[in-house]
Protein backbone atom coordinates (compact mmCIF):
# COMPACT_ATOMS: atom_id res chain seq x y z
CA MET A 1 27.54 -60.53 67.65
CA PRO A 2 30.53 -63.04 68.41
CA ILE A 3 32.24 -64.58 65.86
CA LYS A 4 31.87 -68.70 65.45
CA ILE A 5 34.89 -70.48 64.26
CA ALA A 6 33.95 -73.44 62.27
CA LYS A 7 35.11 -77.73 63.18
CA PRO A 8 37.45 -78.25 60.44
CA THR A 9 35.22 -81.32 59.08
CA THR A 10 36.42 -80.45 55.62
CA ASN A 11 39.54 -78.71 54.15
CA GLY A 12 37.12 -75.70 53.42
CA ARG A 13 35.91 -75.66 56.83
CA ARG A 14 39.14 -75.47 58.31
CA GLY A 15 40.04 -72.24 59.79
CA SER A 16 36.75 -70.23 58.47
CA SER A 17 34.73 -68.37 60.80
CA PHE A 18 31.43 -67.07 60.87
CA ILE A 19 29.25 -64.35 62.79
CA SER A 20 26.77 -65.90 64.81
CA GLY A 21 23.12 -64.70 64.98
CA VAL A 22 22.74 -62.44 62.42
CA LEU A 23 19.65 -63.46 60.98
CA ILE A 24 17.03 -62.78 63.79
CA GLY A 25 13.60 -63.46 62.21
CA ASN A 26 12.99 -63.42 58.45
CA THR A 27 9.55 -61.67 58.11
CA LYS A 28 9.49 -60.46 54.24
CA ILE A 29 7.01 -57.30 53.88
CA LYS A 30 5.84 -56.30 50.52
CA GLY A 31 7.40 -53.23 49.17
CA LEU A 32 10.78 -53.18 51.58
CA ARG A 33 12.42 -55.77 48.67
CA GLN A 34 12.92 -55.42 44.72
CA VAL A 35 14.94 -57.25 41.97
CA VAL A 36 18.32 -55.73 40.91
CA ASN A 37 19.64 -56.98 37.55
CA LYS A 38 23.54 -57.82 38.14
CA LYS A 39 26.02 -55.47 36.00
CA SER A 40 28.92 -57.57 36.63
CA GLY A 41 31.10 -54.30 36.90
CA ARG A 42 30.13 -52.75 33.66
CA ASN A 43 28.75 -49.57 32.45
CA ASN A 44 25.76 -48.69 30.44
CA SER A 45 28.00 -49.19 27.55
CA GLY A 46 29.10 -52.71 28.41
CA LYS A 47 32.53 -51.82 29.63
CA ILE A 48 34.11 -52.98 32.38
CA THR A 49 34.35 -50.33 35.07
CA VAL A 50 35.00 -52.11 37.79
CA ALA A 51 37.27 -54.98 37.94
CA HIS A 52 36.86 -58.70 39.45
CA ARG A 53 33.14 -58.61 39.48
CA GLY A 54 30.60 -61.09 38.31
CA GLY A 55 28.56 -64.29 39.20
CA GLY A 56 27.37 -64.85 42.65
CA SER A 57 24.00 -65.69 44.43
CA LYS A 58 21.21 -64.14 43.29
CA ARG A 59 19.99 -61.14 45.57
CA PHE A 60 17.53 -59.05 46.40
CA TYR A 61 17.73 -54.80 47.33
CA ARG A 62 16.54 -54.19 50.29
CA LEU A 63 15.07 -50.49 50.49
CA VAL A 64 16.93 -49.02 53.72
CA ASP A 65 15.63 -45.82 54.67
CA PHE A 66 18.47 -43.33 55.09
CA VAL A 67 16.17 -40.38 55.50
CA PHE A 68 14.22 -41.12 58.68
CA ASN A 69 13.64 -37.56 59.84
CA SER A 70 10.04 -37.59 60.69
CA ASP A 71 8.99 -37.07 64.68
CA CYS A 72 8.34 -40.73 65.48
CA LYS A 73 9.18 -43.61 67.72
CA ALA A 74 9.89 -46.87 66.51
CA THR A 75 10.50 -50.49 67.79
CA VAL A 76 12.96 -53.20 66.29
CA LEU A 77 11.32 -55.87 65.44
CA GLU A 78 13.90 -58.16 63.84
CA ILE A 79 17.71 -57.80 62.41
CA HIS A 80 18.26 -59.14 58.80
CA TYR A 81 21.41 -60.05 57.10
CA ASP A 82 21.85 -57.38 53.82
CA PRO A 83 23.81 -58.96 51.09
CA ASN A 84 24.32 -55.79 49.42
CA ARG A 85 26.52 -54.03 52.20
CA SER A 86 28.81 -54.54 55.11
CA ALA A 87 26.40 -53.62 57.65
CA ASN A 88 23.02 -55.37 58.99
CA VAL A 89 19.53 -53.73 58.83
CA ALA A 90 16.87 -53.69 61.42
CA LEU A 91 13.08 -54.18 60.45
CA ILE A 92 11.23 -51.08 62.50
CA GLU A 93 7.72 -50.64 63.21
CA THR A 94 6.47 -46.91 63.66
CA GLU A 95 3.73 -45.86 65.97
CA GLY A 96 1.79 -45.54 62.84
CA LYS A 97 2.05 -49.26 62.25
CA GLU A 98 4.75 -48.30 59.27
CA TYR A 99 7.49 -50.86 58.35
CA LYS A 100 10.78 -49.60 57.27
CA TYR A 101 14.31 -50.86 57.09
CA ILE A 102 17.27 -48.93 58.91
CA LEU A 103 21.08 -49.58 59.27
CA VAL A 104 21.63 -51.32 62.74
CA PRO A 105 23.51 -49.16 65.01
CA ALA A 106 26.22 -50.75 67.54
CA LYS A 107 24.51 -52.27 70.83
CA ILE A 108 20.84 -52.09 69.27
CA LYS A 109 18.47 -55.41 69.76
CA VAL A 110 15.61 -56.72 69.36
CA GLY A 111 13.17 -54.92 71.20
CA SER A 112 14.94 -51.73 71.37
CA VAL A 113 12.92 -48.27 70.76
CA ILE A 114 14.59 -45.72 68.52
CA GLU A 115 13.14 -42.37 68.05
CA SER A 116 13.61 -39.35 65.58
CA GLY A 117 13.11 -35.90 66.26
CA ASP A 118 14.60 -32.43 67.12
CA SER A 119 13.62 -32.81 70.74
CA VAL A 120 14.82 -36.85 71.25
CA PRO A 121 17.28 -37.83 74.05
CA ILE A 122 20.79 -38.73 73.15
CA LYS A 123 20.57 -42.02 72.89
CA ILE A 124 22.66 -45.02 70.78
CA GLY A 125 20.05 -44.96 67.41
CA ASN A 126 18.01 -41.94 67.84
CA ARG A 127 18.54 -39.47 64.86
CA MET A 128 18.44 -35.56 65.16
CA PRO A 129 19.67 -32.45 63.39
CA ILE A 130 23.31 -32.36 63.95
CA ASN A 131 22.97 -28.87 65.55
CA LYS A 132 20.86 -30.68 68.35
CA ILE A 133 24.01 -33.36 69.07
CA PRO A 134 26.77 -32.76 71.63
CA VAL A 135 30.09 -31.99 70.65
CA GLY A 136 32.28 -35.25 70.94
CA THR A 137 29.34 -37.55 70.07
CA GLU A 138 30.09 -40.51 67.48
CA ILE A 139 27.58 -39.96 64.67
CA HIS A 140 26.79 -42.25 61.57
CA ASN A 141 24.24 -41.89 58.42
CA ILE A 142 25.17 -38.30 58.06
CA GLU A 143 23.62 -36.11 55.74
CA ILE A 144 25.33 -33.97 52.98
CA VAL A 145 22.05 -32.06 51.80
CA PRO A 146 19.37 -31.92 54.17
CA GLY A 147 16.67 -33.89 53.48
CA LYS A 148 18.52 -36.26 50.85
CA GLY A 149 19.39 -38.83 53.06
CA GLY A 150 22.27 -40.09 55.17
CA LYS A 151 25.37 -40.67 52.83
CA ILE A 152 28.49 -40.73 54.78
CA CYS A 153 29.38 -43.84 57.48
CA ARG A 154 27.01 -46.34 56.64
CA SER A 155 29.37 -49.23 56.14
CA ALA A 156 29.86 -51.84 59.27
CA GLY A 157 31.46 -50.27 62.27
CA ASN A 158 32.21 -46.97 60.69
CA PHE A 159 31.19 -43.65 62.45
CA ALA A 160 32.50 -39.83 62.86
CA THR A 161 33.19 -37.66 65.32
CA LEU A 162 31.22 -34.27 65.69
CA LEU A 163 33.98 -31.72 66.59
CA GLY A 164 32.26 -28.21 66.69
CA VAL A 165 28.89 -26.74 65.94
CA GLU A 166 28.62 -23.31 64.18
CA PRO A 167 25.29 -21.24 63.41
CA LYS A 168 25.21 -22.51 59.84
CA THR A 169 27.91 -25.45 59.72
CA ALA A 170 29.58 -28.01 61.56
CA HIS A 171 32.81 -29.53 62.09
CA VAL A 172 32.95 -33.47 61.38
CA LYS A 173 35.97 -35.84 61.64
CA MET A 174 35.64 -38.62 59.15
CA PRO A 175 36.91 -42.22 59.48
CA SER A 176 39.95 -41.31 57.23
CA GLY A 177 40.84 -38.55 59.20
CA GLU A 178 39.23 -35.94 57.00
CA VAL A 179 37.86 -32.88 58.74
CA ARG A 180 34.80 -31.20 56.70
CA LYS A 181 32.13 -28.90 57.30
CA VAL A 182 28.80 -29.98 57.10
CA LEU A 183 25.52 -28.31 57.28
CA SER A 184 23.95 -27.94 61.19
CA THR A 185 20.88 -28.58 59.68
CA CYS A 186 21.66 -32.13 58.54
CA TRP A 187 20.44 -35.10 60.10
CA ALA A 188 22.69 -37.72 61.66
CA SER A 189 22.18 -41.11 63.81
CA ILE A 190 23.70 -41.44 67.24
CA GLY A 191 26.44 -44.48 67.70
CA ALA A 192 28.77 -46.23 65.30
CA VAL A 193 27.16 -48.63 62.64
CA GLY A 194 27.16 -52.22 64.14
CA ASN A 195 28.55 -55.50 62.91
CA GLN A 196 32.06 -54.32 63.55
CA GLU A 197 33.25 -58.06 63.69
CA LEU A 198 33.13 -58.53 60.07
CA MET A 199 36.50 -57.30 59.01
CA ASN A 200 37.59 -60.32 61.77
CA VAL A 201 35.75 -63.17 59.30
CA ASN A 202 37.70 -65.58 57.69
CA HIS A 203 35.93 -66.83 54.76
CA GLY A 204 38.01 -69.80 54.86
CA LYS A 205 37.69 -71.29 50.91
CA ALA A 206 37.61 -69.35 47.42
CA GLY A 207 33.57 -70.31 47.05
CA ARG A 208 32.66 -68.22 49.79
CA ILE A 209 34.07 -65.29 48.14
CA ARG A 210 32.45 -66.28 44.33
CA ASN A 211 29.19 -66.37 46.04
CA LYS A 212 29.44 -62.63 46.77
CA GLY A 213 29.94 -61.92 43.16
CA ILE A 214 33.95 -61.47 43.46
CA ARG A 215 36.12 -62.80 40.53
CA PRO A 216 39.39 -63.67 41.36
CA THR A 217 41.92 -60.97 41.43
CA VAL A 218 44.89 -61.39 38.89
CA ARG A 219 48.03 -59.44 39.21
CA GLY A 220 48.28 -56.68 36.12
CA LYS A 221 51.96 -58.32 35.95
CA ALA A 222 50.75 -61.58 34.99
CA LYS A 223 48.62 -60.23 32.05
CA ASN A 224 49.10 -59.71 28.64
CA VAL A 225 50.00 -56.31 27.20
CA VAL A 226 46.69 -55.58 26.08
CA ASP A 227 45.07 -56.33 29.21
CA HIS A 228 47.26 -54.32 31.66
CA PRO A 229 49.98 -51.74 31.40
CA HIS A 230 51.91 -53.96 34.03
CA GLY A 231 51.71 -56.94 31.11
CA GLY A 232 54.06 -58.48 28.70
CA GLY A 233 57.94 -59.37 28.91
CA GLU A 234 59.56 -62.37 29.16
CA GLY A 235 60.03 -64.22 32.74
CA GLY A 236 59.71 -62.13 36.15
CA THR A 237 60.24 -59.04 34.68
CA SER A 238 59.25 -55.63 36.65
CA ILE A 239 56.15 -53.77 35.25
CA GLY A 240 58.55 -51.22 33.19
CA LEU A 241 57.01 -48.05 34.53
CA LYS A 242 58.18 -45.38 37.01
CA TYR A 243 55.12 -45.97 38.75
CA PRO A 244 52.02 -48.35 39.06
CA LYS A 245 48.90 -47.90 36.50
CA THR A 246 45.32 -49.09 36.76
CA PRO A 247 44.12 -51.41 34.27
CA TRP A 248 42.94 -48.10 32.33
CA GLY A 249 46.03 -46.31 32.43
CA LEU A 250 45.65 -44.06 35.42
CA PRO A 251 48.35 -43.73 38.18
CA THR A 252 47.67 -45.59 41.06
CA LEU A 253 48.73 -46.44 44.86
CA GLY A 254 49.18 -42.54 46.32
CA TYR A 255 48.05 -40.78 43.24
CA ARG A 256 45.03 -38.38 44.40
CA THR A 257 42.23 -38.26 42.09
CA ARG A 258 40.06 -35.54 43.69
CA ASP A 259 39.30 -32.52 41.45
CA LYS A 260 41.06 -29.40 42.86
CA LYS A 261 38.24 -27.28 41.36
CA LYS A 262 35.59 -29.02 42.89
CA TYR A 263 32.93 -26.91 44.43
CA SER A 264 32.85 -28.91 47.79
CA LYS A 265 36.58 -28.03 48.21
CA LYS A 266 35.69 -25.19 50.44
CA MET A 267 33.78 -27.37 52.70
CA ILE A 268 36.96 -29.52 53.51
CA ILE A 269 39.08 -28.02 56.28
CA LYS A 270 41.69 -30.63 56.40
CA ARG A 271 42.65 -33.72 53.85
CA ARG A 272 43.05 -36.95 55.25
CA SER A 273 46.77 -38.16 55.44
CA ARG A 274 48.53 -40.60 52.82
């Protein structure tokens, strides 16, 4: 979808841009939306574990079907904006008159027909087991555990590349450059996730960011000692540390946090480069 640049009628709109034609239809189906209480970056103990979160407009959560692995054919009725993710969602109707939300693949429009099954054609939007997909194909919404739904490559513009298929496992190259094994019986969708132009949108004013529930990001160096390891000092001093830290004291900027003894380490063939 094309990016539309706003006319500079006010200071806030000067330089701002929007993705035009995101909302194509506004049908609300019962059972596909639910209310979600805001956490504002806090865990079950009330402690902030994700910084710079809070406020924002009210939103409903769309129950997206990340599984969609039954043998069926569906038609895209509408394309909706989803405030909970960077990708758009499509309202589809199956042959059994069942309505679902799925992630919108690139180049999928209203009226497109998508299929899922073991013997469906290789076409953008179709979903099938990885062992049925040709090598070199771009895929998204990839399962890690068969039947549990897609967990990998679900954000706007993301896709992975299928490098090879073995009897039990398949080699998949992730967007980060990591190459890992996935069970060949896991399901994936053909193509890349849509809404790739999102990264080129200029918000233009701080209010649009606040409406998304993102609060101002303050440098750790500008905070007090009690609030951040980089805080304190007189004037424009350095952080006073050999390496930068997170607000909770862990090393950051290049420090790898993956557990070396994690059970899934054997599935990773090549780690992503720094």
